Amino acid sequence: MGDLHVKEHGSESYKDLFAEISQEADILVLTGDLTDLGKVKEAELLAADLRSCSIPMVAVLGNHDYECGCVEEVTHILKDAGVHLL
């Protein structure tokens, strides 16, 4: 999955989708632009949803994830949620 563009306000929750994917797939691959502007709050919202995923998660960041200049914090938040970042 890619281009989720999770926003600080007004983004849909992916929690149920990630839980459903966990039942059908062996791994979740996230292919960049996970956040809209690379904000810490956006990463926190995504991480909360990702915690419903019970399968291994692998991700790469996209250009939007670097936009705010908070990439180290975003990376830390996603890793704490169980995402293996490449």
PDB file of N, CA and C in Angstrom:
ATOM      1  N   MET A   1       0.848  -1.172   0.000  1.00  0.00           N
ATOM      2  CA  MET A   1       0.000   0.000   0.000  1.00  0.00           C
ATOM      3  C   MET A   1       0.892   1.232   0.000  1.00  0.00           C
ATOM      4  N   GLY A   2       0.453   2.234  -0.669  1.00  0.00           N
ATOM      5  CA  GLY A   2       1.209   3.475  -0.669  1.00  0.00           C
ATOM      6  C   GLY A   2       0.312   4.682  -0.776  1.00  0.00           C
ATOM      7  N   ASP A   3       0.930   5.821  -0.617  1.00  0.00           N
ATOM      8  CA  ASP A   3       0.232   7.098  -0.755  1.00  0.00           C
ATOM      9  C   ASP A   3      -0.973   7.214   0.175  1.00  0.00           C
ATOM     10  N   LEU A   4      -0.779   6.839   1.429  1.00  0.00           N
ATOM     11  CA  LEU A   4      -1.864   6.980   2.405  1.00  0.00           C
ATOM     12  C   LEU A   4      -2.128   8.442   2.725  1.00  0.00           C
ATOM     13  N   HIS A   5      -1.090   9.255   2.733  1.00  0.00           N
ATOM     14  CA  HIS A   5      -1.194  10.694   2.995  1.00  0.00           C
ATOM     15  C   HIS A   5      -2.050  10.996   4.223  1.00  0.00           C
ATOM     16  N   VAL A   6      -1.736  10.341   5.335  1.00  0.00           N
ATOM     17  CA  VAL A   6      -2.464  10.588   6.583  1.00  0.00           C
ATOM     18  C   VAL A   6      -2.277  12.052   6.972  1.00  0.00           C
ATOM     19  N   LYS A   7      -3.407  12.708   7.221  1.00  0.00           N
ATOM     20  CA  LYS A   7      -3.403  14.136   7.571  1.00  0.00           C
ATOM     21  C   LYS A   7      -3.656  14.307   9.064  1.00  0.00           C
ATOM     22  N   GLU A   8      -3.234  15.435   9.566  1.00  0.00           N
ATOM     23  CA  GLU A   8      -3.426  15.762  10.976  1.00  0.00           C
ATOM     24  C   GLU A   8      -4.914  15.866  11.315  1.00  0.00           C
ATOM     25  N   HIS A   9      -5.697  16.381  10.392  1.00  0.00           N
ATOM     26  CA  HIS A   9      -7.139  16.538  10.593  1.00  0.00           C
ATOM     27  C   HIS A   9      -7.865  16.024   9.356  1.00  0.00           C
ATOM     28  N   GLY A  10      -8.921  15.274   9.567  1.00  0.00           N
ATOM     29  CA  GLY A  10      -9.792  14.892   8.472  1.00  0.00           C
ATOM     30  C   GLY A  10      -9.418  13.631   7.721  1.00  0.00           C
ATOM     31  N   SER A  11      -8.403  12.910   8.165  1.00  0.00           N
ATOM     32  CA  SER A  11      -8.053  11.660   7.498  1.00  0.00           C
ATOM     33  C   SER A  11      -8.930  10.537   8.018  1.00  0.00           C
ATOM     34  N   GLU A  12      -9.229   9.607   7.126  1.00  0.00           N
ATOM     35  CA  GLU A  12      -9.966   8.436   7.554  1.00  0.00           C
ATOM     36  C   GLU A  12      -9.040   7.531   8.361  1.00  0.00           C
ATOM     37  N   SER A  13      -9.625   6.715   9.195  1.00  0.00           N
ATOM     38  CA  SER A  13      -8.850   5.753   9.963  1.00  0.00           C
ATOM     39  C   SER A  13      -8.609   4.514   9.109  1.00  0.00           C
ATOM     40  N   TYR A  14      -7.412   3.975   9.207  1.00  0.00           N
ATOM     41  CA  TYR A  14      -7.063   2.746   8.496  1.00  0.00           C
ATOM     42  C   TYR A  14      -7.048   1.546   9.440  1.00  0.00           C
ATOM     43  N   LYS A  15      -7.469   1.742  10.672  1.00  0.00           N
ATOM     44  CA  LYS A  15      -7.394   0.697  11.689  1.00  0.00           C
ATOM     45  C   LYS A  15      -8.107  -0.581  11.252  1.00  0.00           C
ATOM     46  N   ASP A  16      -9.350  -0.475  10.819  1.00  0.00           N
ATOM     47  CA  ASP A  16     -10.111  -1.657  10.404  1.00  0.00           C
ATOM     48  C   ASP A  16      -9.495  -2.309   9.172  1.00  0.00           C
ATOM     49  N   LEU A  17      -9.013  -1.499   8.240  1.00  0.00           N
ATOM     50  CA  LEU A  17      -8.382  -2.039   7.037  1.00  0.00           C
ATOM     51  C   LEU A  17      -7.121  -2.817   7.394  1.00  0.00           C
ATOM     52  N   PHE A  18      -6.285  -2.259   8.269  1.00  0.00           N
ATOM     53  CA  PHE A  18      -5.062  -2.953   8.669  1.00  0.00           C
ATOM     54  C   PHE A  18      -5.385  -4.253   9.403  1.00  0.00           C
ATOM     55  N   ALA A  19      -6.426  -4.255  10.211  1.00  0.00           N
ATOM     56  CA  ALA A  19      -6.834  -5.478  10.907  1.00  0.00           C
ATOM     57  C   ALA A  19      -7.306  -6.529   9.903  1.00  0.00           C
ATOM     58  N   GLU A  20      -8.059  -6.098   8.899  1.00  0.00           N
ATOM     59  CA  GLU A  20      -8.536  -7.021   7.865  1.00  0.00           C
ATOM     60  C   GLU A  20      -7.375  -7.572   7.036  1.00  0.00           C
ATOM     61  N   ILE A  21      -6.451  -6.709   6.668  1.00  0.00           N
ATOM     62  CA  ILE A  21      -5.272  -7.147   5.914  1.00  0.00           C
ATOM     63  C   ILE A  21      -4.509  -8.200   6.709  1.00  0.00           C
ATOM     64  N   SER A  22      -4.442  -8.041   8.013  1.00  0.00           N
ATOM     65  CA  SER A  22      -3.735  -8.995   8.869  1.00  0.00           C
ATOM     66  C   SER A  22      -4.314 -10.399   8.768  1.00  0.00           C
ATOM     67  N   GLN A  23      -5.605 -10.481   8.472  1.00  0.00           N
ATOM     68  CA  GLN A  23      -6.262 -11.783   8.348  1.00  0.00           C
ATOM     69  C   GLN A  23      -6.004 -12.446   6.994  1.00  0.00           C
ATOM     70  N   GLU A  24      -5.648 -11.652   5.994  1.00  0.00           N
ATOM     71  CA  GLU A  24      -5.536 -12.164   4.625  1.00  0.00           C
ATOM     72  C   GLU A  24      -4.113 -12.204   4.071  1.00  0.00           C
ATOM     73  N   ALA A  25      -3.194 -11.470   4.669  1.00  0.00           N
ATOM     74  CA  ALA A  25      -1.843 -11.340   4.101  1.00  0.00           C
ATOM     75  C   ALA A  25      -0.792 -11.818   5.101  1.00  0.00           C
ATOM     76  N   ASP A  26       0.401 -12.052   4.586  1.00  0.00           N
ATOM     77  CA  ASP A  26       1.518 -12.475   5.429  1.00  0.00           C
ATOM     78  C   ASP A  26       2.386 -11.304   5.867  1.00  0.00           C
ATOM     79  N   ILE A  27       2.325 -10.211   5.122  1.00  0.00           N
ATOM     80  CA  ILE A  27       3.146  -9.036   5.416  1.00  0.00           C
ATOM     81  C   ILE A  27       2.445  -7.799   4.851  1.00  0.00           C
ATOM     82  N   LEU A  28       2.610  -6.675   5.519  1.00  0.00           N
ATOM     83  CA  LEU A  28       2.095  -5.396   5.023  1.00  0.00           C
ATOM     84  C   LEU A  28       3.285  -4.571   4.559  1.00  0.00           C
ATOM     85  N   VAL A  29       3.273  -4.184   3.298  1.00  0.00           N
ATOM     86  CA  VAL A  29       4.335  -3.360   2.728  1.00  0.00           C
ATOM     87  C   VAL A  29       3.762  -1.975   2.461  1.00  0.00           C
ATOM     88  N   LEU A  30       4.368  -0.962   3.053  1.00  0.00           N
ATOM     89  CA  LEU A  30       3.935   0.429   2.896  1.00  0.00           C
ATOM     90  C   LEU A  30       4.972   1.144   2.044  1.00  0.00           C
ATOM     91  N   THR A  31       4.517   1.709   0.933  1.00  0.00           N
ATOM     92  CA  THR A  31       5.454   2.182  -0.095  1.00  0.00           C
ATOM     93  C   THR A  31       5.535   3.696  -0.239  1.00  0.00           C
ATOM     94  N   GLY A  32       5.592   4.393   0.860  1.00  0.00           N
ATOM     95  CA  GLY A  32       5.887   5.822   0.812  1.00  0.00           C
ATOM     96  C   GLY A  32       4.689   6.739   0.824  1.00  0.00           C
ATOM     97  N   ASP A  33       4.973   7.998   1.114  1.00  0.00           N
ATOM     98  CA  ASP A  33       3.948   9.029   1.301  1.00  0.00           C
ATOM     99  C   ASP A  33       2.892   8.545   2.292  1.00  0.00           C
ATOM    100  N   LEU A  34       3.384   8.076   3.411  1.00  0.00           N
ATOM    101  CA  LEU A  34       2.513   7.582   4.470  1.00  0.00           C
ATOM    102  C   LEU A  34       1.811   8.730   5.175  1.00  0.00           C
ATOM    103  N   THR A  35       2.501   9.860   5.273  1.00  0.00           N
ATOM    104  CA  THR A  35       1.931  11.075   5.861  1.00  0.00           C
ATOM    105  C   THR A  35       1.775  12.127   4.767  1.00  0.00           C
ATOM    106  N   ASP A  36       0.963  13.122   5.052  1.00  0.00           N
ATOM    107  CA  ASP A  36       0.737  14.168   4.052  1.00  0.00           C
ATOM    108  C   ASP A  36       1.866  15.192   4.035  1.00  0.00           C
ATOM    109  N   LEU A  37       2.318  15.591   5.233  1.00  0.00           N
ATOM    110  CA  LEU A  37       3.356  16.628   5.320  1.00  0.00           C
ATOM    111  C   LEU A  37       4.541  16.219   6.189  1.00  0.00           C
ATOM    112  N   GLY A  38       4.572  14.959   6.622  1.00  0.00           N
ATOM    113  CA  GLY A  38       5.672  14.509   7.467  1.00  0.00           C
ATOM    114  C   GLY A  38       5.623  15.046   8.884  1.00  0.00           C
ATOM    115  N   LYS A  39       4.432  15.420   9.347  1.00  0.00           N
ATOM    116  CA  LYS A  39       4.280  15.961  10.701  1.00  0.00           C
ATOM    117  C   LYS A  39       4.240  14.834  11.732  1.00  0.00           C
ATOM    118  N   VAL A  40       4.716  15.148  12.923  1.00  0.00           N
ATOM    119  CA  VAL A  40       4.729  14.186  14.015  1.00  0.00           C
ATOM    120  C   VAL A  40       3.313  13.692  14.313  1.00  0.00           C
ATOM    121  N   LYS A  41       2.353  14.587  14.385  1.00  0.00           N
ATOM    122  CA  LYS A  41       0.965  14.203  14.684  1.00  0.00           C
ATOM    123  C   LYS A  41       0.425  13.242  13.626  1.00  0.00           C
ATOM    124  N   GLU A  42       0.762  13.460  12.366  1.00  0.00           N
ATOM    125  CA  GLU A  42       0.322  12.555  11.298  1.00  0.00           C
ATOM    126  C   GLU A  42       0.899  11.163  11.513  1.00  0.00           C
ATOM    127  N   ALA A  43       2.173  11.098  11.868  1.00  0.00           N
ATOM    128  CA  ALA A  43       2.819   9.809  12.125  1.00  0.00           C
ATOM    129  C   ALA A  43       2.194   9.125  13.341  1.00  0.00           C
ATOM    130  N   GLU A  44       1.852   9.894  14.355  1.00  0.00           N
ATOM    131  CA  GLU A  44       1.218   9.324  15.547  1.00  0.00           C
ATOM    132  C   GLU A  44      -0.145   8.733  15.214  1.00  0.00           C
ATOM    133  N   LEU A  45      -0.912   9.423  14.372  1.00  0.00           N
ATOM    134  CA  LEU A  45      -2.219   8.898  13.959  1.00  0.00           C
ATOM    135  C   LEU A  45      -2.057   7.605  13.172  1.00  0.00           C
ATOM    136  N   LEU A  46      -1.111   7.586  12.252  1.00  0.00           N
ATOM    137  CA  LEU A  46      -0.858   6.382  11.467  1.00  0.00           C
ATOM    138  C   LEU A  46      -0.385   5.248  12.374  1.00  0.00           C
ATOM    139  N   ALA A  47       0.523   5.537  13.278  1.00  0.00           N
ATOM    140  CA  ALA A  47       1.045   4.515  14.186  1.00  0.00           C
ATOM    141  C   ALA A  47      -0.074   3.895  15.021  1.00  0.00           C
ATOM    142  N   ALA A  48      -1.006   4.707  15.470  1.00  0.00           N
ATOM    143  CA  ALA A  48      -2.137   4.194  16.250  1.00  0.00           C
ATOM    144  C   ALA A  48      -2.943   3.197  15.425  1.00  0.00           C
ATOM    145  N   ASP A  49      -3.167   3.504  14.160  1.00  0.00           N
ATOM    146  CA  ASP A  49      -3.895   2.589  13.279  1.00  0.00           C
ATOM    147  C   ASP A  49      -3.076   1.332  12.992  1.00  0.00           C
ATOM    148  N   LEU A  50      -1.781   1.496  12.794  1.00  0.00           N
ATOM    149  CA  LEU A  50      -0.919   0.353  12.475  1.00  0.00           C
ATOM    150  C   LEU A  50      -0.848  -0.650  13.617  1.00  0.00           C
ATOM    151  N   ARG A  51      -1.098  -0.220  14.819  1.00  0.00           N
ATOM    152  CA  ARG A  51      -1.050  -1.139  15.959  1.00  0.00           C
ATOM    153  C   ARG A  51      -2.141  -2.210  15.879  1.00  0.00           C
ATOM    154  N   SER A  52      -3.131  -2.031  15.008  1.00  0.00           N
ATOM    155  CA  SER A  52      -4.157  -3.058  14.812  1.00  0.00           C
ATOM    156  C   SER A  52      -3.681  -4.148  13.853  1.00  0.00           C
ATOM    157  N   CYS A  53      -2.525  -3.964  13.270  1.00  0.00           N
ATOM    158  CA  CYS A  53      -1.959  -4.916  12.313  1.00  0.00           C
ATOM    159  C   CYS A  53      -1.156  -5.965  13.082  1.00  0.00           C
ATOM    160  N   SER A  54      -1.474  -7.235  12.854  1.00  0.00           N
ATOM    161  CA  SER A  54      -0.808  -8.307  13.604  1.00  0.00           C
ATOM    162  C   SER A  54       0.213  -9.077  12.773  1.00  0.00           C
ATOM    163  N   ILE A  55       0.520  -8.593  11.577  1.00  0.00           N
ATOM    164  CA  ILE A  55       1.518  -9.226  10.717  1.00  0.00           C
ATOM    165  C   ILE A  55       2.729  -8.302  10.606  1.00  0.00           C
ATOM    166  N   PRO A  56       3.865  -8.825  10.159  1.00  0.00           N
ATOM    167  CA  PRO A  56       5.031  -7.951   9.987  1.00  0.00           C
ATOM    168  C   PRO A  56       4.732  -6.795   9.035  1.00  0.00           C
ATOM    169  N   MET A  57       5.326  -5.639   9.327  1.00  0.00           N
ATOM    170  CA  MET A  57       5.140  -4.439   8.507  1.00  0.00           C
ATOM    171  C   MET A  57       6.502  -3.917   8.066  1.00  0.00           C
ATOM    172  N   VAL A  58       6.607  -3.632   6.776  1.00  0.00           N
ATOM    173  CA  VAL A  58       7.829  -3.089   6.190  1.00  0.00           C
ATOM    174  C   VAL A  58       7.439  -1.829   5.441  1.00  0.00           C
ATOM    175  N   ALA A  59       8.270  -0.787   5.530  1.00  0.00           N
ATOM    176  CA  ALA A  59       7.927   0.472   4.869  1.00  0.00           C
ATOM    177  C   ALA A  59       9.162   1.196   4.356  1.00  0.00           C
ATOM    178  N   VAL A  60       8.927   2.006   3.362  1.00  0.00           N
ATOM    179  CA  VAL A  60       9.877   3.023   2.927  1.00  0.00           C
ATOM    180  C   VAL A  60       9.141   4.350   3.014  1.00  0.00           C
ATOM    181  N   LEU A  61       9.872   5.398   3.295  1.00  0.00           N
ATOM    182  CA  LEU A  61       9.275   6.730   3.342  1.00  0.00           C
ATOM    183  C   LEU A  61       9.288   7.344   1.952  1.00  0.00           C
ATOM    184  N   GLY A  62       8.322   8.212   1.697  1.00  0.00           N
ATOM    185  CA  GLY A  62       8.257   8.938   0.434  1.00  0.00           C
ATOM    186  C   GLY A  62       8.587  10.408   0.640  1.00  0.00           C
ATOM    187  N   ASN A  63       8.565  11.165  -0.427  1.00  0.00           N
ATOM    188  CA  ASN A  63       8.945  12.579  -0.348  1.00  0.00           C
ATOM    189  C   ASN A  63       8.069  13.365   0.627  1.00  0.00           C
ATOM    190  N   HIS A  64       6.791  13.054   0.727  1.00  0.00           N
ATOM    191  CA  HIS A  64       5.908  13.774   1.651  1.00  0.00           C
ATOM    192  C   HIS A  64       6.298  13.521   3.103  1.00  0.00           C
ATOM    193  N   ASP A  65       6.846  12.361   3.384  1.00  0.00           N
ATOM    194  CA  ASP A  65       7.230  12.022   4.752  1.00  0.00           C
ATOM    195  C   ASP A  65       8.443  12.823   5.230  1.00  0.00           C
ATOM    196  N   TYR A  66       9.165  13.422   4.299  1.00  0.00           N
ATOM    197  CA  TYR A  66      10.332  14.254   4.619  1.00  0.00           C
ATOM    198  C   TYR A  66      10.002  15.750   4.627  1.00  0.00           C
ATOM    199  N   GLU A  67       8.820  16.116   4.163  1.00  0.00           N
ATOM    200  CA  GLU A  67       8.483  17.509   3.866  1.00  0.00           C
ATOM    201  C   GLU A  67       8.618  18.462   5.055  1.00  0.00           C
ATOM    202  N   CYS A  68       8.238  18.021   6.236  1.00  0.00           N
ATOM    203  CA  CYS A  68       8.211  18.899   7.414  1.00  0.00           C
ATOM    204  C   CYS A  68       9.567  18.989   8.123  1.00  0.00           C
ATOM    205  N   GLY A  69      10.495  18.134   7.729  1.00  0.00           N
ATOM    206  CA  GLY A  69      11.800  18.133   8.386  1.00  0.00           C
ATOM    207  C   GLY A  69      11.833  17.375   9.704  1.00  0.00           C
ATOM    208  N   CYS A  70      10.831  16.544   9.938  1.00  0.00           N
ATOM    209  CA  CYS A  70      10.730  15.788  11.193  1.00  0.00           C
ATOM    210  C   CYS A  70      10.954  14.292  10.967  1.00  0.00           C
ATOM    211  N   VAL A  71      11.730  13.948   9.953  1.00  0.00           N
ATOM    212  CA  VAL A  71      11.845  12.546   9.538  1.00  0.00           C
ATOM    213  C   VAL A  71      12.386  11.646  10.646  1.00  0.00           C
ATOM    214  N   GLU A  72      13.284  12.134  11.473  1.00  0.00           N
ATOM    215  CA  GLU A  72      13.804  11.296  12.559  1.00  0.00           C
ATOM    216  C   GLU A  72      12.704  10.947  13.556  1.00  0.00           C
ATOM    217  N   GLU A  73      11.871  11.919  13.884  1.00  0.00           N
ATOM    218  CA  GLU A  73      10.760  11.673  14.802  1.00  0.00           C
ATOM    219  C   GLU A  73       9.720  10.757  14.171  1.00  0.00           C
ATOM    220  N   VAL A  74       9.402  10.992  12.906  1.00  0.00           N
ATOM    221  CA  VAL A  74       8.443  10.151  12.187  1.00  0.00           C
ATOM    222  C   VAL A  74       8.949   8.712  12.158  1.00  0.00           C
ATOM    223  N   THR A  75      10.220   8.539  11.846  1.00  0.00           N
ATOM    224  CA  THR A  75      10.824   7.207  11.806  1.00  0.00           C
ATOM    225  C   THR A  75      10.719   6.527  13.168  1.00  0.00           C
ATOM    226  N   HIS A  76      11.033   7.247  14.222  1.00  0.00           N
ATOM    227  CA  HIS A  76      10.974   6.696  15.578  1.00  0.00           C
ATOM    228  C   HIS A  76       9.548   6.251  15.927  1.00  0.00           C
ATOM    229  N   ILE A  77       8.579   7.064  15.604  1.00  0.00           N
ATOM    230  CA  ILE A  77       7.173   6.756  15.902  1.00  0.00           C
ATOM    231  C   ILE A  77       6.735   5.493  15.165  1.00  0.00           C
ATOM    232  N   LEU A  78       7.078   5.398  13.897  1.00  0.00           N
ATOM    233  CA  LEU A  78       6.679   4.228  13.113  1.00  0.00           C
ATOM    234  C   LEU A  78       7.389   2.969  13.594  1.00  0.00           C
ATOM    235  N   LYS A  79       8.660   3.087  13.933  1.00  0.00           N
ATOM    236  CA  LYS A  79       9.388   1.928  14.463  1.00  0.00           C
ATOM    237  C   LYS A  79       8.781   1.461  15.780  1.00  0.00           C
ATOM    238  N   ASP A  80       8.378   2.401  16.626  1.00  0.00           N
ATOM    239  CA  ASP A  80       7.736   2.042  17.894  1.00  0.00           C
ATOM    240  C   ASP A  80       6.410   1.320  17.678  1.00  0.00           C
ATOM    241  N   ALA A  81       5.782   1.545  16.526  1.00  0.00           N
ATOM    242  CA  ALA A  81       4.524   0.868  16.194  1.00  0.00           C
ATOM    243  C   ALA A  81       4.771  -0.500  15.562  1.00  0.00           C
ATOM    244  N   GLY A  82       6.047  -0.866  15.400  1.00  0.00           N
ATOM    245  CA  GLY A  82       6.370  -2.183  14.864  1.00  0.00           C
ATOM    246  C   GLY A  82       6.726  -2.221  13.398  1.00  0.00           C
ATOM    247  N   VAL A  83       6.886  -1.064  12.787  1.00  0.00           N
ATOM    248  CA  VAL A  83       7.210  -0.998  11.358  1.00  0.00           C
ATOM    249  C   VAL A  83       8.722  -1.121  11.177  1.00  0.00           C
ATOM    250  N   HIS A  84       9.136  -1.999  10.270  1.00  0.00           N
ATOM    251  CA  HIS A  84      10.552  -2.107   9.895  1.00  0.00           C
ATOM    252  C   HIS A  84      10.764  -1.177   8.710  1.00  0.00           C
ATOM    253  N   LEU A  85      11.534  -0.118   8.901  1.00  0.00           N
ATOM    254  CA  LEU A  85      11.781   0.861   7.835  1.00  0.00           C
ATOM    255  C   LEU A  85      13.048   0.508   7.076  1.00  0.00           C
ATOM    256  N   LEU A  86      12.940   0.525   5.764  1.00  0.00           N
ATOM    257  CA  LEU A  86      14.098   0.253   4.907  1.00  0.00           C
ATOM    258  C   LEU A  86      14.778   1.545   4.545  1.00  0.00           C
TER     259      LEU A  86
END
